[in-house]
C-alpha atoms as a PDB file:
ATOM      1  CA  MET A   1      30.613  -4.641 -15.312  1.00  0.00           C
ATOM      2  CA  PRO A   2      27.258  -3.235 -14.105  1.00  0.00           C
ATOM      3  CA  ARG A   3      25.616  -0.525 -16.209  1.00  0.00           C
ATOM      4  CA  ALA A   4      26.411   2.980 -14.936  1.00  0.00           C
ATOM      5  CA  GLY A   5      23.639   4.346 -12.743  1.00  0.00           C
ATOM      6  CA  LEU A   6      22.115   0.945 -12.174  1.00  0.00           C
ATOM      7  CA  ASP A   7      22.141  -0.299  -8.599  1.00  0.00           C
ATOM      8  CA  ALA A   8      19.812  -2.303  -6.372  1.00  0.00           C
ATOM      9  CA  ALA A   9      17.649   0.727  -5.529  1.00  0.00           C
ATOM     10  CA  ALA A  10      17.295   1.678  -9.200  1.00  0.00           C
ATOM     11  CA  VAL A  11      16.396  -1.894 -10.133  1.00  0.00           C
ATOM     12  CA  VAL A  12      13.736  -2.051  -7.394  1.00  0.00           C
ATOM     13  CA  ALA A  13      12.326   1.339  -8.433  1.00  0.00           C
ATOM     14  CA  ALA A  14      12.149   0.234 -12.072  1.00  0.00           C
ATOM     15  CA  GLY A  15      10.557  -3.035 -10.963  1.00  0.00           C
ATOM     16  CA  ALA A  16       7.931  -1.151  -8.956  1.00  0.00           C
ATOM     17  CA  ALA A  17       7.043   1.034 -11.930  1.00  0.00           C
ATOM     18  CA  LEU A  18       6.886  -2.012 -14.196  1.00  0.00           C
ATOM     19  CA  ALA A  19       4.696  -3.873 -11.684  1.00  0.00           C
ATOM     20  CA  ASP A  20       2.199  -1.010 -11.921  1.00  0.00           C
ATOM     21  CA  GLU A  21       2.009  -1.632 -15.666  1.00  0.00           C
ATOM     22  CA  VAL A  22       2.053  -5.438 -15.895  1.00  0.00           C
ATOM     23  CA  GLY A  23       0.823  -6.387 -12.425  1.00  0.00           C
ATOM     24  CA  PHE A  24       2.867  -7.654  -9.508  1.00  0.00           C
ATOM     25  CA  ALA A  25       2.266 -11.264 -10.571  1.00  0.00           C
ATOM     26  CA  GLY A  26       3.256 -10.458 -14.165  1.00  0.00           C
ATOM     27  CA  LEU A  27       6.638  -9.043 -13.203  1.00  0.00           C
ATOM     28  CA  THR A  28       9.581 -11.048 -14.550  1.00  0.00           C
ATOM     29  CA  MET A  29      13.316 -10.506 -14.572  1.00  0.00           C
ATOM     30  CA  GLY A  30      13.220 -10.652 -18.379  1.00  0.00           C
ATOM     31  CA  LEU A  31      10.693  -7.832 -18.644  1.00  0.00           C
ATOM     32  CA  LEU A  32      12.609  -5.785 -16.111  1.00  0.00           C
ATOM     33  CA  ALA A  33      15.919  -6.317 -17.909  1.00  0.00           C
ATOM     34  CA  GLU A  34      14.319  -5.111 -21.118  1.00  0.00           C
ATOM     35  CA  ARG A  35      12.924  -2.066 -19.302  1.00  0.00           C
ATOM     36  CA  VAL A  36      16.282  -1.013 -17.832  1.00  0.00           C
ATOM     37  CA  GLY A  37      18.208  -1.837 -20.999  1.00  0.00           C
ATOM     38  CA  VAL A  38      20.362  -4.742 -19.870  1.00  0.00           C
ATOM     39  CA  ARG A  39      20.429  -8.466 -20.459  1.00  0.00           C
ATOM     40  CA  THR A  40      18.630 -10.537 -17.840  1.00  0.00           C
ATOM     41  CA  PRO A  41      21.794 -12.032 -16.296  1.00  0.00           C
ATOM     42  CA  SER A  42      23.068  -8.495 -15.661  1.00  0.00           C
ATOM     43  CA  LEU A  43      20.194  -7.849 -13.242  1.00  0.00           C
ATOM     44  CA  TYR A  44      21.573 -10.505 -10.931  1.00  0.00           C
ATOM     45  CA  LYS A  45      24.563  -8.259 -10.232  1.00  0.00           C
ATOM     46  CA  HIS A  46      22.114  -6.027  -8.355  1.00  0.00           C
ATOM     47  CA  ILE A  47      19.269  -8.313  -7.217  1.00  0.00           C
ATOM     48  CA  ASP A  48      19.691 -11.938  -6.141  1.00  0.00           C
ATOM     49  CA  SER A  49      16.391 -13.267  -7.476  1.00  0.00           C
ATOM     50  CA  LEU A  50      12.849 -12.466  -8.533  1.00  0.00           C
ATOM     51  CA  GLU A  51      11.833 -13.146  -4.929  1.00  0.00           C
ATOM     52  CA  ALA A  52      14.374 -10.573  -3.703  1.00  0.00           C
ATOM     53  CA  LEU A  53      13.049  -8.082  -6.253  1.00  0.00           C
ATOM     54  CA  ARG A  54       9.474  -8.654  -5.070  1.00  0.00           C
ATOM     55  CA  HIS A  55      10.609  -8.229  -1.469  1.00  0.00           C
ATOM     56  CA  GLY A  56      12.313  -4.940  -2.332  1.00  0.00           C
ATOM     57  CA  ILE A  57       9.223  -3.695  -4.139  1.00  0.00           C
ATOM     58  CA  SER A  58       7.042  -4.690  -1.181  1.00  0.00           C
ATOM     59  CA  VAL A  59       9.189  -2.783   1.309  1.00  0.00           C
ATOM     60  CA  GLN A  60       9.409   0.250  -0.980  1.00  0.00           C
ATOM     61  CA  ALA A  61       5.658   0.207  -1.633  1.00  0.00           C
ATOM     62  CA  LYS A  62       4.789  -0.061   2.067  1.00  0.00           C
ATOM     63  CA  ARG A  63       7.017   2.936   2.769  1.00  0.00           C
ATOM     64  CA  GLU A  64       5.488   4.914  -0.102  1.00  0.00           C
ATOM     65  CA  LEU A  65       1.963   4.145   1.070  1.00  0.00           C
ATOM     66  CA  GLY A  66       2.890   4.968   4.671  1.00  0.00           C
ATOM     67  CA  ASN A  67       4.367   8.305   3.606  1.00  0.00           C
ATOM     68  CA  THR A  68       1.247   9.048   1.576  1.00  0.00           C
ATOM     69  CA  LEU A  69      -0.970   8.319   4.577  1.00  0.00           C
ATOM     70  CA  ALA A  70       1.245  10.391   6.885  1.00  0.00           C
ATOM     71  CA  ARG A  71       0.999  13.415   4.584  1.00  0.00           C
ATOM     72  CA  ALA A  72      -2.772  12.995   4.365  1.00  0.00           C
ATOM     73  CA  ALA A  73      -3.192  12.733   8.140  1.00  0.00           C
ATOM     74  CA  ALA A  74      -0.886  15.642   9.017  1.00  0.00           C
ATOM     75  CA  GLY A  75      -2.727  18.265  11.043  1.00  0.00           C
ATOM     76  CA  ARG A  76      -5.984  16.314  11.085  1.00  0.00           C
ATOM     77  CA  SER A  77      -7.796  14.280  13.700  1.00  0.00           C
ATOM     78  CA  GLY A  78     -10.964  12.279  14.197  1.00  0.00           C
ATOM     79  CA  PRO A  79     -13.316  11.801  11.248  1.00  0.00           C
ATOM     80  CA  ASP A  80     -11.436  14.347   9.134  1.00  0.00           C
ATOM     81  CA  ALA A  81      -8.231  12.312   9.498  1.00  0.00           C
ATOM     82  CA  VAL A  82     -10.021   9.053   8.666  1.00  0.00           C
ATOM     83  CA  HIS A  83     -11.480  10.589   5.502  1.00  0.00           C
ATOM     84  CA  ALA A  84      -8.091  12.025   4.544  1.00  0.00           C
ATOM     85  CA  ILE A  85      -6.213   8.749   4.905  1.00  0.00           C
ATOM     86  CA  ALA A  86      -9.021   6.771   3.268  1.00  0.00           C
ATOM     87  CA  ASP A  87      -8.989   9.064   0.242  1.00  0.00           C
ATOM     88  CA  ALA A  88      -5.180   8.989   0.054  1.00  0.00           C
ATOM     89  CA  TYR A  89      -5.189   5.188   0.376  1.00  0.00           C
ATOM     90  CA  ARG A  90      -7.690   4.804  -2.443  1.00  0.00           C
ATOM     91  CA  ARG A  91      -5.903   7.206  -4.765  1.00  0.00           C
ATOM     92  CA  TRP A  92      -2.492   5.624  -4.126  1.00  0.00           C
ATOM     93  CA  ALA A  93      -3.830   2.091  -4.616  1.00  0.00           C
ATOM     94  CA  LEU A  94      -5.537   2.998  -7.890  1.00  0.00           C
ATOM     95  CA  ASP A  95      -2.515   4.943  -9.148  1.00  0.00           C
ATOM     96  CA  HIS A  96      -0.064   2.159  -8.219  1.00  0.00           C
ATOM     97  CA  PRO A  97      -1.886  -1.149  -8.727  1.00  0.00           C
ATOM     98  CA  GLY A  98       1.215  -3.346  -8.913  1.00  0.00           C
ATOM     99  CA  ARG A  99       2.831  -1.764  -5.901  1.00  0.00           C
ATOM    100  CA  TYR A 100      -0.450  -1.889  -4.022  1.00  0.00           C
ATOM    101  CA  VAL A 101      -0.636  -5.674  -4.405  1.00  0.00           C
ATOM    102  CA  ALA A 102       2.874  -5.808  -2.927  1.00  0.00           C
ATOM    103  CA  THR A 103       1.665  -4.093   0.273  1.00  0.00           C
ATOM    104  CA  VAL A 104      -1.008  -6.604   1.207  1.00  0.00           C
ATOM    105  CA  ARG A 105       1.003  -9.464   2.701  1.00  0.00           C
ATOM    106  CA  ALA A 106       2.046  -9.197   6.344  1.00  0.00           C
ATOM    107  CA  PRO A 107       5.802  -9.442   6.870  1.00  0.00           C
ATOM    108  CA  ALA A 108       7.496 -12.632   8.009  1.00  0.00           C
ATOM    109  CA  ALA A 109       8.361 -12.573  11.706  1.00  0.00           C
ATOM    110  CA  ASP A 110      12.098 -12.645  10.980  1.00  0.00           C
ATOM    111  CA  ASP A 111      12.044  -9.964   8.246  1.00  0.00           C
ATOM    112  CA  GLU A 112      13.032  -6.814  10.113  1.00  0.00           C
ATOM    113  CA  GLU A 113      13.119  -4.560   7.045  1.00  0.00           C
ATOM    114  CA  ASP A 114       9.597  -5.511   5.932  1.00  0.00           C
ATOM    115  CA  ARG A 115       8.307  -5.445   9.508  1.00  0.00           C
ATOM    116  CA  SER A 116       9.668  -1.927   9.988  1.00  0.00           C
ATOM    117  CA  ALA A 117       8.011  -0.670   6.788  1.00  0.00           C
ATOM    118  CA  SER A 118       4.715  -2.328   7.751  1.00  0.00           C
ATOM    119  CA  ASP A 119       4.864  -1.001  11.302  1.00  0.00           C
ATOM    120  CA  GLU A 120       5.428   2.561  10.087  1.00  0.00           C
ATOM    121  CA  ALA A 121       2.246   2.461   8.005  1.00  0.00           C
ATOM    122  CA  LEU A 122       0.322   0.731  10.792  1.00  0.00           C
ATOM    123  CA  GLN A 123       1.412   3.349  13.320  1.00  0.00           C
ATOM    124  CA  ILE A 124      -0.051   6.116  11.167  1.00  0.00           C
ATOM    125  CA  LEU A 125      -3.360   4.288  11.111  1.00  0.00           C
ATOM    126  CA  LEU A 126      -3.265   3.694  14.868  1.00  0.00           C
ATOM    127  CA  ASP A 127      -2.417   7.363  15.469  1.00  0.00           C
ATOM    128  CA  VAL A 128      -5.464   8.408  13.448  1.00  0.00           C
ATOM    129  CA  LEU A 129      -7.658   5.946  15.325  1.00  0.00           C
ATOM    130  CA  SER A 130      -6.349   7.150  18.700  1.00  0.00           C
ATOM    131  CA  GLY A 131      -8.686  10.122  18.373  1.00  0.00           C
ATOM    132  CA  PHE A 132     -11.617   7.786  18.946  1.00  0.00           C
ATOM    133  CA  GLY A 133     -10.604   6.751  22.472  1.00  0.00           C
ATOM    134  CA  LEU A 134     -10.338   3.037  21.708  1.00  0.00           C
ATOM    135  CA  SER A 135      -8.515   0.592  23.956  1.00  0.00           C
ATOM    136  CA  ASP A 136      -5.371  -0.974  22.495  1.00  0.00           C
ATOM    137  CA  ALA A 137      -7.223  -4.181  21.613  1.00  0.00           C
ATOM    138  CA  ARG A 138     -10.138  -2.293  20.026  1.00  0.00           C
ATOM    139  CA  ALA A 139      -7.710  -0.074  18.104  1.00  0.00           C
ATOM    140  CA  ILE A 140      -6.237  -3.205  16.512  1.00  0.00           C
ATOM    141  CA  ASP A 141      -9.758  -4.386  15.660  1.00  0.00           C
ATOM    142  CA  ALA A 142     -10.539  -0.960  14.204  1.00  0.00           C
ATOM    143  CA  ALA A 143      -7.306  -0.867  12.177  1.00  0.00           C
ATOM    144  CA  ARG A 144      -8.019  -4.306  10.730  1.00  0.00           C
ATOM    145  CA  THR A 145     -11.611  -3.362   9.963  1.00  0.00           C
ATOM    146  CA  LEU A 146     -10.666  -0.094   8.302  1.00  0.00           C
ATOM    147  CA  ARG A 147      -7.867  -1.663   6.267  1.00  0.00           C
ATOM    148  CA  SER A 148     -10.071  -4.595   5.220  1.00  0.00           C
ATOM    149  CA  ALA A 149     -12.926  -2.341   4.137  1.00  0.00           C
ATOM    150  CA  LEU A 150     -10.691   0.036   2.190  1.00  0.00           C
ATOM    151  CA  HIS A 151      -8.796  -2.853   0.603  1.00  0.00           C
ATOM    152  CA  GLY A 152     -11.986  -4.602  -0.424  1.00  0.00           C
ATOM    153  CA  PHE A 153     -13.409  -1.473  -1.985  1.00  0.00           C
ATOM    154  CA  VAL A 154     -10.299  -0.471  -3.935  1.00  0.00           C
ATOM    155  CA  SER A 155      -9.720  -4.066  -5.035  1.00  0.00           C
ATOM    156  CA  LEU A 156     -13.230  -4.261  -6.454  1.00  0.00           C
ATOM    157  CA  GLU A 157     -12.913  -0.816  -8.001  1.00  0.00           C
ATOM    158  CA  SER A 158      -9.593  -1.558  -9.682  1.00  0.00           C
ATOM    159  CA  ALA A 159     -10.996  -4.824 -11.063  1.00  0.00           C
ATOM    160  CA  GLY A 160     -13.996  -3.010 -12.582  1.00  0.00           C
ATOM    161  CA  GLY A 161     -16.336  -4.535 -10.032  1.00  0.00           C
ATOM    162  CA  PHE A 162     -18.740  -1.595  -9.750  1.00  0.00           C
ATOM    163  CA  GLY A 163     -21.126  -1.502 -12.697  1.00  0.00           C
ATOM    164  CA  LEU A 164     -24.179   0.150 -11.187  1.00  0.00           C
ATOM    165  CA  PRO A 165     -25.023   3.694 -12.313  1.00  0.00           C
ATOM    166  CA  ARG A 166     -23.970   5.441  -9.094  1.00  0.00           C
ATOM    167  CA  GLU A 167     -20.774   7.453  -8.841  1.00  0.00           C
ATOM    168  CA  VAL A 168     -18.190   5.200  -7.183  1.00  0.00           C
ATOM    169  CA  SER A 169     -16.783   8.076  -5.117  1.00  0.00           C
ATOM    170  CA  ARG A 170     -20.160   8.529  -3.430  1.00  0.00           C
ATOM    171  CA  SER A 171     -20.240   4.871  -2.458  1.00  0.00           C
ATOM    172  CA  TYR A 172     -16.695   5.127  -1.124  1.00  0.00           C
ATOM    173  CA  ARG A 173     -17.680   8.156   0.950  1.00  0.00           C
ATOM    174  CA  PHE A 174     -20.636   6.181   2.317  1.00  0.00           C
ATOM    175  CA  LEU A 175     -18.307   3.320   3.263  1.00  0.00           C
ATOM    176  CA  VAL A 176     -15.928   5.636   5.117  1.00  0.00           C
ATOM    177  CA  ASP A 177     -18.809   7.476   6.836  1.00  0.00           C
ATOM    178  CA  THR A 178     -20.217   4.115   7.955  1.00  0.00           C
ATOM    179  CA  LEU A 179     -16.846   3.078   9.371  1.00  0.00           C
ATOM    180  CA  ILE A 180     -16.554   6.387  11.220  1.00  0.00           C
ATOM    181  CA  ALA A 181     -20.045   5.920  12.665  1.00  0.00           C
ATOM    182  CA  GLY A 182     -18.936   2.528  13.951  1.00  0.00           C
ATOM    183  CA  LEU A 183     -15.800   4.023  15.484  1.00  0.00           C
ATOM    184  CA  ARG A 184     -17.874   6.704  17.199  1.00  0.00           C
ATOM    185  CA  SER A 185     -20.332   4.144  18.572  1.00  0.00           C
ATOM    186  CA  ASP A 186     -17.466   2.346  20.314  1.00  0.00           C
ATOM    187  CA  GLN A 187     -16.377   5.450  22.220  1.00  0.00           C
ATOM    188  CA  PRO A 188     -16.825   5.395  25.997  1.00  0.00           C
END
């Protein structure tokens, strides 16, 4: 009999929190079972496999990040919106390192649930970029560029990759300002 209050959503949520502590790659069913207070075989009443758990965490994390970006962008446009989502992205990634890793991979073509979660987050980014008057093709280029730059920065930051004596937030601001300047230069 499954433990009261434990269902697939609760297992995924506990797995996401644990991934933030031990890393997405360090997540195991054994550690998760210990965390939720059941024996490992009991988890399989709620989640089919470690792969299914990772998939659930990925979808949940993409939705969380998308919601975070949507709140940051609300009521903003242009450079102000880019700064807002960039700052929200950085904060969320640093606060949720295990979940963040789970957001990086693009969904499989036949995975509708993951695709939907990814598309929601992407649409927020494209909506923010629409204020720069880019064509559809250039908006995709801009979204990839912005995501790649932000990802690279927060990945280096979370790994302790910035040792020079300059405040990291100032460098991040410079990165975002540089990206905005590039977006502005591409306007008709």
